[in-house]
Amino acid sequence: CQNGNFCDGEETCKAYPTNLGVQF
């Protein structure tokens, strides 16, 4: 969750996977 700049207070988290399919 770091964008490489520890001074700007911004984070770039990886997006939630979208192709997980349906699982019972």
PDB file of all heavy atoms in Angstrom:
ATOM      1  N   CYS A   1       0.820  -1.214   0.000  1.00  0.00           N
ATOM      2  CA  CYS A   1       0.000   0.000   0.000  1.00  0.00           C
ATOM      3  C   CYS A   1       0.853   1.264   0.000  1.00  0.00           C
ATOM      4  O   CYS A   1       0.410   2.313   0.436  1.00  0.00           O
ATOM      5  CB  CYS A   1      -0.924   0.002   1.218  1.00  0.00           C
ATOM      6  SG  CYS A   1      -2.453  -0.917   0.942  1.00  0.00           S
ATOM      7  N   GLN A   2       2.057   1.192  -0.474  1.00  0.00           N
ATOM      8  CA  GLN A   2       2.918   2.371  -0.542  1.00  0.00           C
ATOM      9  C   GLN A   2       3.169   2.743  -2.000  1.00  0.00           C
ATOM     10  O   GLN A   2       3.323   1.878  -2.863  1.00  0.00           O
ATOM     11  CB  GLN A   2       4.258   2.090   0.154  1.00  0.00           C
ATOM     12  CG  GLN A   2       4.146   1.809   1.644  1.00  0.00           C
ATOM     13  CD  GLN A   2       3.662   3.039   2.427  1.00  0.00           C
ATOM     14  OE1 GLN A   2       3.753   4.165   1.959  1.00  0.00           O
ATOM     15  NE2 GLN A   2       3.144   2.777   3.621  1.00  0.00           N
ATOM     16  N   ASN A   3       3.188   4.024  -2.246  1.00  0.00           N
ATOM     17  CA  ASN A   3       3.446   4.470  -3.614  1.00  0.00           C
ATOM     18  C   ASN A   3       4.903   4.894  -3.814  1.00  0.00           C
ATOM     19  O   ASN A   3       5.264   5.469  -4.840  1.00  0.00           O
ATOM     20  CB  ASN A   3       2.516   5.633  -3.983  1.00  0.00           C
ATOM     21  CG  ASN A   3       2.740   6.856  -3.100  1.00  0.00           C
ATOM     22  OD1 ASN A   3       3.585   6.836  -2.203  1.00  0.00           O
ATOM     23  ND2 ASN A   3       1.983   7.912  -3.355  1.00  0.00           N
ATOM     24  N   GLY A   4       5.714   4.618  -2.807  1.00  0.00           N
ATOM     25  CA  GLY A   4       7.130   4.950  -2.933  1.00  0.00           C
ATOM     26  C   GLY A   4       7.493   6.307  -2.383  1.00  0.00           C
ATOM     27  O   GLY A   4       8.670   6.629  -2.249  1.00  0.00           O
ATOM     28  N   ASN A   5       6.502   7.126  -2.060  1.00  0.00           N
ATOM     29  CA  ASN A   5       6.767   8.463  -1.511  1.00  0.00           C
ATOM     30  C   ASN A   5       6.157   8.525  -0.114  1.00  0.00           C
ATOM     31  O   ASN A   5       4.939   8.644   0.036  1.00  0.00           O
ATOM     32  CB  ASN A   5       6.150   9.534  -2.415  1.00  0.00           C
ATOM     33  CG  ASN A   5       6.520  10.936  -1.961  1.00  0.00           C
ATOM     34  OD1 ASN A   5       6.955  11.145  -0.828  1.00  0.00           O
ATOM     35  ND2 ASN A   5       6.345  11.906  -2.847  1.00  0.00           N
ATOM     36  N   PHE A   6       6.994   8.440   0.907  1.00  0.00           N
ATOM     37  CA  PHE A   6       6.505   8.391   2.280  1.00  0.00           C
ATOM     38  C   PHE A   6       6.118   9.764   2.824  1.00  0.00           C
ATOM     39  O   PHE A   6       5.718   9.885   3.969  1.00  0.00           O
ATOM     40  CB  PHE A   6       7.575   7.772   3.191  1.00  0.00           C
ATOM     41  CG  PHE A   6       7.872   6.347   2.847  1.00  0.00           C
ATOM     42  CD1 PHE A   6       8.962   6.017   2.057  1.00  0.00           C
ATOM     43  CD2 PHE A   6       7.056   5.325   3.295  1.00  0.00           C
ATOM     44  CE1 PHE A   6       9.231   4.697   1.731  1.00  0.00           C
ATOM     45  CE2 PHE A   6       7.323   3.999   2.977  1.00  0.00           C
ATOM     46  CZ  PHE A   6       8.407   3.683   2.195  1.00  0.00           C
ATOM     47  N   CYS A   7       6.235  10.808   2.021  1.00  0.00           N
ATOM     48  CA  CYS A   7       5.962  12.156   2.509  1.00  0.00           C
ATOM     49  C   CYS A   7       4.634  12.732   2.022  1.00  0.00           C
ATOM     50  O   CYS A   7       4.207  13.789   2.505  1.00  0.00           O
ATOM     51  CB  CYS A   7       7.095  13.103   2.077  1.00  0.00           C
ATOM     52  SG  CYS A   7       8.706  12.659   2.764  1.00  0.00           S
ATOM     53  N   ASP A   8       4.008  12.079   1.068  1.00  0.00           N
ATOM     54  CA  ASP A   8       2.792  12.686   0.520  1.00  0.00           C
ATOM     55  C   ASP A   8       1.504  12.123   1.118  1.00  0.00           C
ATOM     56  O   ASP A   8       0.421  12.625   0.836  1.00  0.00           O
ATOM     57  CB  ASP A   8       2.758  12.546  -1.011  1.00  0.00           C
ATOM     58  CG  ASP A   8       2.719  11.096  -1.468  1.00  0.00           C
ATOM     59  OD1 ASP A   8       2.627  10.200  -0.608  1.00  0.00           O
ATOM     60  OD2 ASP A   8       2.791  10.862  -2.695  1.00  0.00           O
ATOM     61  N   GLY A   9       1.622  11.094   1.967  1.00  0.00           N
ATOM     62  CA  GLY A   9       0.443  10.549   2.629  1.00  0.00           C
ATOM     63  C   GLY A   9      -0.495   9.794   1.714  1.00  0.00           C
ATOM     64  O   GLY A   9      -1.622   9.479   2.083  1.00  0.00           O
ATOM     65  N   GLU A  10      -0.081   9.502   0.501  1.00  0.00           N
ATOM     66  CA  GLU A  10      -0.923   8.785  -0.436  1.00  0.00           C
ATOM     67  C   GLU A  10      -0.517   7.312  -0.509  1.00  0.00           C
ATOM     68  O   GLU A  10       0.642   6.963  -0.332  1.00  0.00           O
ATOM     69  CB  GLU A  10      -0.825   9.402  -1.835  1.00  0.00           C
ATOM     70  CG  GLU A  10      -1.368  10.820  -1.911  1.00  0.00           C
ATOM     71  CD  GLU A  10      -1.282  11.384  -3.311  1.00  0.00           C
ATOM     72  OE1 GLU A  10      -0.863  10.625  -4.209  1.00  0.00           O
ATOM     73  OE2 GLU A  10      -1.637  12.551  -3.503  1.00  0.00           O
ATOM     74  N   GLU A  11      -1.502   6.488  -0.771  1.00  0.00           N
ATOM     75  CA  GLU A  11      -1.237   5.068  -0.911  1.00  0.00           C
ATOM     76  C   GLU A  11      -1.865   4.560  -2.204  1.00  0.00           C
ATOM     77  O   GLU A  11      -2.872   5.107  -2.672  1.00  0.00           O
ATOM     78  CB  GLU A  11      -1.814   4.287   0.275  1.00  0.00           C
ATOM     79  CG  GLU A  11      -1.133   4.598   1.599  1.00  0.00           C
ATOM     80  CD  GLU A  11      -1.746   3.812   2.750  1.00  0.00           C
ATOM     81  OE1 GLU A  11      -2.972   3.578   2.704  1.00  0.00           O
ATOM     82  OE2 GLU A  11      -1.009   3.427   3.649  1.00  0.00           O
ATOM     83  N   THR A  12      -1.255   3.552  -2.754  1.00  0.00           N
ATOM     84  CA  THR A  12      -1.788   2.954  -3.976  1.00  0.00           C
ATOM     85  C   THR A  12      -1.925   1.450  -3.748  1.00  0.00           C
ATOM     86  O   THR A  12      -1.008   0.683  -3.999  1.00  0.00           O
ATOM     87  CB  THR A  12      -0.849   3.215  -5.174  1.00  0.00           C
ATOM     88  OG1 THR A  12       0.472   2.755  -4.838  1.00  0.00           O
ATOM     89  CG2 THR A  12      -0.796   4.688  -5.504  1.00  0.00           C
ATOM     90  N   CYS A  13      -3.066   1.054  -3.234  1.00  0.00           N
ATOM     91  CA  CYS A  13      -3.295  -0.361  -2.923  1.00  0.00           C
ATOM     92  C   CYS A  13      -3.707  -1.133  -4.171  1.00  0.00           C
ATOM     93  O   CYS A  13      -4.396  -0.599  -5.052  1.00  0.00           O
ATOM     94  CB  CYS A  13      -4.378  -0.505  -1.860  1.00  0.00           C
ATOM     95  SG  CYS A  13      -3.908   0.214  -0.272  1.00  0.00           S
ATOM     96  N   LYS A  14      -3.304  -2.397  -4.203  1.00  0.00           N
ATOM     97  CA  LYS A  14      -3.656  -3.247  -5.321  1.00  0.00           C
ATOM     98  C   LYS A  14      -5.168  -3.464  -5.352  1.00  0.00           C
ATOM     99  O   LYS A  14      -5.801  -3.623  -4.316  1.00  0.00           O
ATOM    100  CB  LYS A  14      -2.944  -4.595  -5.197  1.00  0.00           C
ATOM    101  CG  LYS A  14      -3.147  -5.512  -6.400  1.00  0.00           C
ATOM    102  CD  LYS A  14      -2.311  -6.778  -6.280  1.00  0.00           C
ATOM    103  CE  LYS A  14      -2.530  -7.679  -7.486  1.00  0.00           C
ATOM    104  NZ  LYS A  14      -1.706  -8.907  -7.406  1.00  0.00           N
ATOM    105  N   ALA A  15      -5.730  -3.455  -6.545  1.00  0.00           N
ATOM    106  CA  ALA A  15      -7.182  -3.587  -6.695  1.00  0.00           C
ATOM    107  C   ALA A  15      -7.649  -4.987  -6.329  1.00  0.00           C
ATOM    108  O   ALA A  15      -6.897  -5.957  -6.412  1.00  0.00           O
ATOM    109  CB  ALA A  15      -7.586  -3.259  -8.132  1.00  0.00           C
ATOM    110  N   TYR A  16      -8.892  -5.095  -5.942  1.00  0.00           N
ATOM    111  CA  TYR A  16      -9.517  -6.389  -5.615  1.00  0.00           C
ATOM    112  C   TYR A  16      -9.599  -7.244  -6.874  1.00  0.00           C
ATOM    113  O   TYR A  16      -9.959  -6.750  -7.941  1.00  0.00           O
ATOM    114  CB  TYR A  16     -10.920  -6.126  -5.066  1.00  0.00           C
ATOM    115  CG  TYR A  16     -11.641  -7.344  -4.562  1.00  0.00           C
ATOM    116  CD1 TYR A  16     -11.484  -7.765  -3.248  1.00  0.00           C
ATOM    117  CD2 TYR A  16     -12.477  -8.063  -5.401  1.00  0.00           C
ATOM    118  CE1 TYR A  16     -12.156  -8.888  -2.783  1.00  0.00           C
ATOM    119  CE2 TYR A  16     -13.148  -9.186  -4.951  1.00  0.00           C
ATOM    120  CZ  TYR A  16     -12.975  -9.591  -3.638  1.00  0.00           C
ATOM    121  OH  TYR A  16     -13.638 -10.694  -3.178  1.00  0.00           O
ATOM    122  N   PRO A  17      -9.225  -8.523  -6.807  1.00  0.00           N
ATOM    123  CA  PRO A  17      -9.303  -9.390  -7.990  1.00  0.00           C
ATOM    124  C   PRO A  17     -10.730  -9.451  -8.528  1.00  0.00           C
ATOM    125  O   PRO A  17     -11.690  -9.514  -7.764  1.00  0.00           O
ATOM    126  CB  PRO A  17      -8.858 -10.756  -7.449  1.00  0.00           C
ATOM    127  CG  PRO A  17      -8.075 -10.438  -6.219  1.00  0.00           C
ATOM    128  CD  PRO A  17      -8.704  -9.207  -5.631  1.00  0.00           C
ATOM    129  N   THR A  18     -10.874  -9.463  -9.838  1.00  0.00           N
ATOM    130  CA  THR A  18     -12.206  -9.438 -10.442  1.00  0.00           C
ATOM    131  C   THR A  18     -12.596 -10.761 -11.099  1.00  0.00           C
ATOM    132  O   THR A  18     -13.738 -10.939 -11.488  1.00  0.00           O
ATOM    133  CB  THR A  18     -12.291  -8.339 -11.517  1.00  0.00           C
ATOM    134  OG1 THR A  18     -11.281  -8.567 -12.507  1.00  0.00           O
ATOM    135  CG2 THR A  18     -12.081  -6.968 -10.887  1.00  0.00           C
ATOM    136  N   ASN A  19     -11.642 -11.700 -11.217  1.00  0.00           N
ATOM    137  CA  ASN A  19     -11.949 -12.937 -11.950  1.00  0.00           C
ATOM    138  C   ASN A  19     -11.856 -14.163 -11.039  1.00  0.00           C
ATOM    139  O   ASN A  19     -11.315 -15.191 -11.408  1.00  0.00           O
ATOM    140  CB  ASN A  19     -10.998 -13.108 -13.130  1.00  0.00           C
ATOM    141  CG  ASN A  19      -9.543 -13.150 -12.694  1.00  0.00           C
ATOM    142  OD1 ASN A  19      -9.199 -12.677 -11.618  1.00  0.00           O
ATOM    143  ND2 ASN A  19      -8.686 -13.721 -13.536  1.00  0.00           N
ATOM    144  N   LEU A  20     -12.413 -14.033  -9.838  1.00  0.00           N
ATOM    145  CA  LEU A  20     -12.340 -15.133  -8.881  1.00  0.00           C
ATOM    146  C   LEU A  20     -13.345 -16.231  -9.187  1.00  0.00           C
ATOM    147  O   LEU A  20     -13.196 -17.365  -8.743  1.00  0.00           O
ATOM    148  CB  LEU A  20     -12.579 -14.608  -7.454  1.00  0.00           C
ATOM    149  CG  LEU A  20     -11.535 -13.614  -6.948  1.00  0.00           C
ATOM    150  CD1 LEU A  20     -11.921 -13.139  -5.553  1.00  0.00           C
ATOM    151  CD2 LEU A  20     -10.159 -14.244  -6.924  1.00  0.00           C
ATOM    152  N   GLY A  21     -14.402 -15.946  -9.918  1.00  0.00           N
ATOM    153  CA  GLY A  21     -15.421 -16.935 -10.206  1.00  0.00           C
ATOM    154  C   GLY A  21     -16.336 -17.132  -9.013  1.00  0.00           C
ATOM    155  O   GLY A  21     -16.195 -16.499  -7.972  1.00  0.00           O
ATOM    156  N   VAL A  22     -17.294 -18.014  -9.168  1.00  0.00           N
ATOM    157  CA  VAL A  22     -18.249 -18.315  -8.108  1.00  0.00           C
ATOM    158  C   VAL A  22     -17.839 -19.620  -7.455  1.00  0.00           C
ATOM    159  O   VAL A  22     -17.562 -20.607  -8.138  1.00  0.00           O
ATOM    160  CB  VAL A  22     -19.682 -18.438  -8.663  1.00  0.00           C
ATOM    161  CG1 VAL A  22     -20.648 -18.831  -7.550  1.00  0.00           C
ATOM    162  CG2 VAL A  22     -20.106 -17.119  -9.290  1.00  0.00           C
ATOM    163  N   GLN A  23     -17.787 -19.631  -6.109  1.00  0.00           N
ATOM    164  CA  GLN A  23     -17.369 -20.826  -5.401  1.00  0.00           C
ATOM    165  C   GLN A  23     -18.295 -21.068  -4.214  1.00  0.00           C
ATOM    166  O   GLN A  23     -18.514 -20.170  -3.402  1.00  0.00           O
ATOM    167  CB  GLN A  23     -15.927 -20.672  -4.905  1.00  0.00           C
ATOM    168  CG  GLN A  23     -15.421 -21.880  -4.138  1.00  0.00           C
ATOM    169  CD  GLN A  23     -14.013 -21.673  -3.633  1.00  0.00           C
ATOM    170  OE1 GLN A  23     -13.450 -20.597  -3.803  1.00  0.00           O
ATOM    171  NE2 GLN A  23     -13.440 -22.675  -3.021  1.00  0.00           N
ATOM    172  N   PHE A  24     -18.885 -22.264  -4.119  1.00  0.00           N
ATOM    173  CA  PHE A  24     -19.724 -22.626  -2.989  1.00  0.00           C
ATOM    174  C   PHE A  24     -18.853 -23.258  -1.919  1.00  0.00           C
ATOM    175  O   PHE A  24     -18.141 -24.225  -2.183  1.00  0.00           O
ATOM    176  CB  PHE A  24     -20.816 -23.620  -3.419  1.00  0.00           C
ATOM    177  CG  PHE A  24     -21.832 -23.028  -4.347  1.00  0.00           C
ATOM    178  CD1 PHE A  24     -21.724 -23.202  -5.714  1.00  0.00           C
ATOM    179  CD2 PHE A  24     -22.883 -22.275  -3.847  1.00  0.00           C
ATOM    180  CE1 PHE A  24     -22.642 -22.653  -6.586  1.00  0.00           C
ATOM    181  CE2 PHE A  24     -23.826 -21.719  -4.708  1.00  0.00           C
ATOM    182  CZ  PHE A  24     -23.707 -21.904  -6.073  1.00  0.00           C
TER     183      PHE A  24
END
